[in-house]
Amino acid sequence: MHPTALDAFALAINAGNGPPAFPHISGHEPDLHVARRNASAISKAMDAMLKVVPDAGSYVSEGDFFHPAWQQAFWEPNYPRLAAVKRHYDPAGLFFGHHGVGSEEWSADGFTR
């Protein structure tokens, strides 16, 4: 976890919502128009927030799913040490999660390296 998240005096959450989406299941397909609109609105809100608090830390379970600098936002300054521990105990990179330590070795969808 990013140290600033531990010492924060406030928690701000920008989120979108909608019904569960299951691609290729009739009647439950994702509404891409709504999803893109929500993602754009969340991105704009985050941009405005980061102007006020540019070095804000976060934690991965409530962080920006699309954050381009997620290693820094979620883990810095701990990322290099955590990556070394990950390589030591999981040298094949079997265990990973979206924006988890070492996940940059996998594709965005998690299916391929």
C-alpha atoms as a PDB file:
ATOM      1  CA  MET A   1       0.000   0.000   0.000  1.00  0.00           C
ATOM      2  CA  HIS A   2       1.163   3.517  -0.758  1.00  0.00           C
ATOM      3  CA  PRO A   3       2.317   5.216   2.485  1.00  0.00           C
ATOM      4  CA  THR A   4       0.244   8.347   1.850  1.00  0.00           C
ATOM      5  CA  ALA A   5      -2.915   6.238   1.798  1.00  0.00           C
ATOM      6  CA  LEU A   6      -2.100   5.090   5.321  1.00  0.00           C
ATOM      7  CA  ASP A   7      -1.713   8.654   6.578  1.00  0.00           C
ATOM      8  CA  ALA A   8      -4.584  10.234   4.633  1.00  0.00           C
ATOM      9  CA  PHE A   9      -7.129  12.379   6.420  1.00  0.00           C
ATOM     10  CA  ALA A  10      -9.796  11.710   3.769  1.00  0.00           C
ATOM     11  CA  LEU A  11     -10.873   9.125   1.243  1.00  0.00           C
ATOM     12  CA  ALA A  12     -12.373  10.196  -2.069  1.00  0.00           C
ATOM     13  CA  ILE A  13     -14.031   7.726  -4.405  1.00  0.00           C
ATOM     14  CA  ASN A  14     -15.065   8.454  -7.996  1.00  0.00           C
ATOM     15  CA  ALA A  15     -17.110   5.624  -9.395  1.00  0.00           C
ATOM     16  CA  GLY A  16     -19.641   4.573 -11.965  1.00  0.00           C
ATOM     17  CA  ASN A  17     -22.256   1.903 -11.660  1.00  0.00           C
ATOM     18  CA  GLY A  18     -24.515  -0.235 -13.712  1.00  0.00           C
ATOM     19  CA  PRO A  19     -25.944  -3.713 -13.927  1.00  0.00           C
ATOM     20  CA  PRO A  20     -23.583  -6.690 -14.087  1.00  0.00           C
ATOM     21  CA  ALA A  21     -22.236  -7.210 -17.595  1.00  0.00           C
ATOM     22  CA  PHE A  22     -21.527 -10.629 -19.048  1.00  0.00           C
ATOM     23  CA  PRO A  23     -20.188 -10.540 -22.608  1.00  0.00           C
ATOM     24  CA  HIS A  24     -21.789 -13.042 -24.974  1.00  0.00           C
ATOM     25  CA  ILE A  25     -24.736 -13.806 -22.656  1.00  0.00           C
ATOM     26  CA  SER A  26     -27.939 -12.611 -24.231  1.00  0.00           C
ATOM     27  CA  GLY A  27     -29.614  -9.860 -22.233  1.00  0.00           C
ATOM     28  CA  HIS A  28     -26.535  -9.217 -20.091  1.00  0.00           C
ATOM     29  CA  GLU A  29     -24.101  -7.737 -22.600  1.00  0.00           C
ATOM     30  CA  PRO A  30     -22.160  -4.664 -21.470  1.00  0.00           C
ATOM     31  CA  ASP A  31     -23.534  -1.338 -22.674  1.00  0.00           C
ATOM     32  CA  LEU A  32     -20.332   0.020 -24.215  1.00  0.00           C
ATOM     33  CA  HIS A  33     -21.761   3.512 -24.735  1.00  0.00           C
ATOM     34  CA  VAL A  34     -22.673   3.848 -21.050  1.00  0.00           C
ATOM     35  CA  ALA A  35     -19.390   2.271 -19.935  1.00  0.00           C
ATOM     36  CA  ARG A  36     -17.320   4.655 -22.055  1.00  0.00           C
ATOM     37  CA  ARG A  37     -19.365   7.636 -20.868  1.00  0.00           C
ATOM     38  CA  ASN A  38     -18.871   6.614 -17.218  1.00  0.00           C
ATOM     39  CA  ALA A  39     -15.154   6.014 -17.746  1.00  0.00           C
ATOM     40  CA  SER A  40     -14.780   9.456 -19.325  1.00  0.00           C
ATOM     41  CA  ALA A  41     -16.636  11.166 -16.476  1.00  0.00           C
ATOM     42  CA  ILE A  42     -14.560   9.343 -13.873  1.00  0.00           C
ATOM     43  CA  SER A  43     -11.357  10.267 -15.698  1.00  0.00           C
ATOM     44  CA  LYS A  44     -12.338  13.953 -15.759  1.00  0.00           C
ATOM     45  CA  ALA A  45     -13.182  13.885 -12.052  1.00  0.00           C
ATOM     46  CA  MET A  46      -9.848  12.211 -11.252  1.00  0.00           C
ATOM     47  CA  ASP A  47      -7.953  14.766 -13.351  1.00  0.00           C
ATOM     48  CA  ALA A  48      -9.586  17.571 -11.355  1.00  0.00           C
ATOM     49  CA  MET A  49      -8.815  15.856  -8.046  1.00  0.00           C
ATOM     50  CA  LEU A  50      -5.183  15.217  -8.981  1.00  0.00           C
ATOM     51  CA  LYS A  51      -4.719  18.914  -9.733  1.00  0.00           C
ATOM     52  CA  VAL A  52      -5.490  19.605  -6.084  1.00  0.00           C
ATOM     53  CA  VAL A  53      -3.572  16.616  -4.679  1.00  0.00           C
ATOM     54  CA  PRO A  54      -1.058  15.595  -7.369  1.00  0.00           C
ATOM     55  CA  ASP A  55       0.861  13.023  -5.320  1.00  0.00           C
ATOM     56  CA  ALA A  56      -2.116  11.347  -3.709  1.00  0.00           C
ATOM     57  CA  GLY A  57      -1.640   7.701  -2.941  1.00  0.00           C
ATOM     58  CA  SER A  58      -4.243   5.037  -3.282  1.00  0.00           C
ATOM     59  CA  TYR A  59      -4.708   1.394  -2.635  1.00  0.00           C
ATOM     60  CA  VAL A  60      -5.271  -1.092  -5.377  1.00  0.00           C
ATOM     61  CA  SER A  61      -8.731  -2.327  -4.398  1.00  0.00           C
ATOM     62  CA  GLU A  62     -10.227   1.160  -4.716  1.00  0.00           C
ATOM     63  CA  GLY A  63      -7.847   2.683  -7.232  1.00  0.00           C
ATOM     64  CA  ASP A  64      -8.354   3.805 -10.801  1.00  0.00           C
ATOM     65  CA  PHE A  65      -8.666   0.625 -12.878  1.00  0.00           C
ATOM     66  CA  PHE A  66      -7.080   2.444 -15.825  1.00  0.00           C
ATOM     67  CA  HIS A  67      -4.377   4.382 -13.949  1.00  0.00           C
ATOM     68  CA  PRO A  68      -1.344   4.608 -16.268  1.00  0.00           C
ATOM     69  CA  ALA A  69       1.140   5.021 -13.389  1.00  0.00           C
ATOM     70  CA  TRP A  70      -0.386   2.450 -11.069  1.00  0.00           C
ATOM     71  CA  GLN A  71       2.954   1.232  -9.667  1.00  0.00           C
ATOM     72  CA  GLN A  72       3.564   4.685  -8.223  1.00  0.00           C
ATOM     73  CA  ALA A  73      -0.053   5.403  -7.241  1.00  0.00           C
ATOM     74  CA  PHE A  74      -0.614   2.129  -5.403  1.00  0.00           C
ATOM     75  CA  TRP A  75       2.800   0.962  -4.211  1.00  0.00           C
ATOM     76  CA  GLU A  76       5.524   3.628  -4.391  1.00  0.00           C
ATOM     77  CA  PRO A  77       8.056   3.728  -2.729  1.00  0.00           C
ATOM     78  CA  ASN A  78       7.553   0.072  -1.848  1.00  0.00           C
ATOM     79  CA  TYR A  79       7.249  -1.267  -5.414  1.00  0.00           C
ATOM     80  CA  PRO A  80      10.907  -2.224  -6.058  1.00  0.00           C
ATOM     81  CA  ARG A  81      11.116  -4.186  -2.799  1.00  0.00           C
ATOM     82  CA  LEU A  82       7.745  -5.851  -3.385  1.00  0.00           C
ATOM     83  CA  ALA A  83       8.744  -6.762  -6.954  1.00  0.00           C
ATOM     84  CA  ALA A  84      11.936  -8.395  -5.668  1.00  0.00           C
ATOM     85  CA  VAL A  85       9.962 -10.434  -3.115  1.00  0.00           C
ATOM     86  CA  LYS A  86       7.479 -11.425  -5.835  1.00  0.00           C
ATOM     87  CA  ARG A  87      10.287 -12.585  -8.155  1.00  0.00           C
ATOM     88  CA  HIS A  88      11.837 -14.578  -5.300  1.00  0.00           C
ATOM     89  CA  TYR A  89       8.683 -16.425  -4.211  1.00  0.00           C
ATOM     90  CA  ASP A  90       6.882 -16.584  -7.573  1.00  0.00           C
ATOM     91  CA  PRO A  91       9.633 -16.686 -10.215  1.00  0.00           C
ATOM     92  CA  ALA A  92       7.239 -18.030 -12.870  1.00  0.00           C
ATOM     93  CA  GLY A  93       4.802 -15.169 -12.260  1.00  0.00           C
ATOM     94  CA  LEU A  94       1.889 -17.544 -11.770  1.00  0.00           C
ATOM     95  CA  PHE A  95       0.005 -15.407  -9.250  1.00  0.00           C
ATOM     96  CA  PHE A  96      -1.110 -11.979 -10.365  1.00  0.00           C
ATOM     97  CA  GLY A  97      -4.004  -9.568 -10.249  1.00  0.00           C
ATOM     98  CA  HIS A  98      -4.891  -6.435 -12.155  1.00  0.00           C
ATOM     99  CA  HIS A  99      -2.377  -3.769 -11.055  1.00  0.00           C
ATOM    100  CA  GLY A 100      -0.814  -6.181  -8.605  1.00  0.00           C
ATOM    101  CA  VAL A 101       2.935  -6.395  -8.171  1.00  0.00           C
ATOM    102  CA  GLY A 102       4.372  -8.015 -11.290  1.00  0.00           C
ATOM    103  CA  SER A 103       1.194  -7.732 -13.348  1.00  0.00           C
ATOM    104  CA  GLU A 104       2.928  -5.493 -15.887  1.00  0.00           C
ATOM    105  CA  GLU A 105       4.378  -8.741 -17.255  1.00  0.00           C
ATOM    106  CA  TRP A 106       0.863  -9.745 -18.393  1.00  0.00           C
ATOM    107  CA  SER A 107      -1.500  -8.331 -21.012  1.00  0.00           C
ATOM    108  CA  ALA A 108      -4.189  -5.910 -19.850  1.00  0.00           C
ATOM    109  CA  ASP A 109      -6.804  -8.675 -19.963  1.00  0.00           C
ATOM    110  CA  GLY A 110      -4.559 -11.070 -18.002  1.00  0.00           C
ATOM    111  CA  PHE A 111      -4.645 -13.823 -20.605  1.00  0.00           C
ATOM    112  CA  THR A 112      -1.135 -13.592 -22.049  1.00  0.00           C
ATOM    113  CA  ARG A 113       2.322 -12.456 -21.092  1.00  0.00           C
END
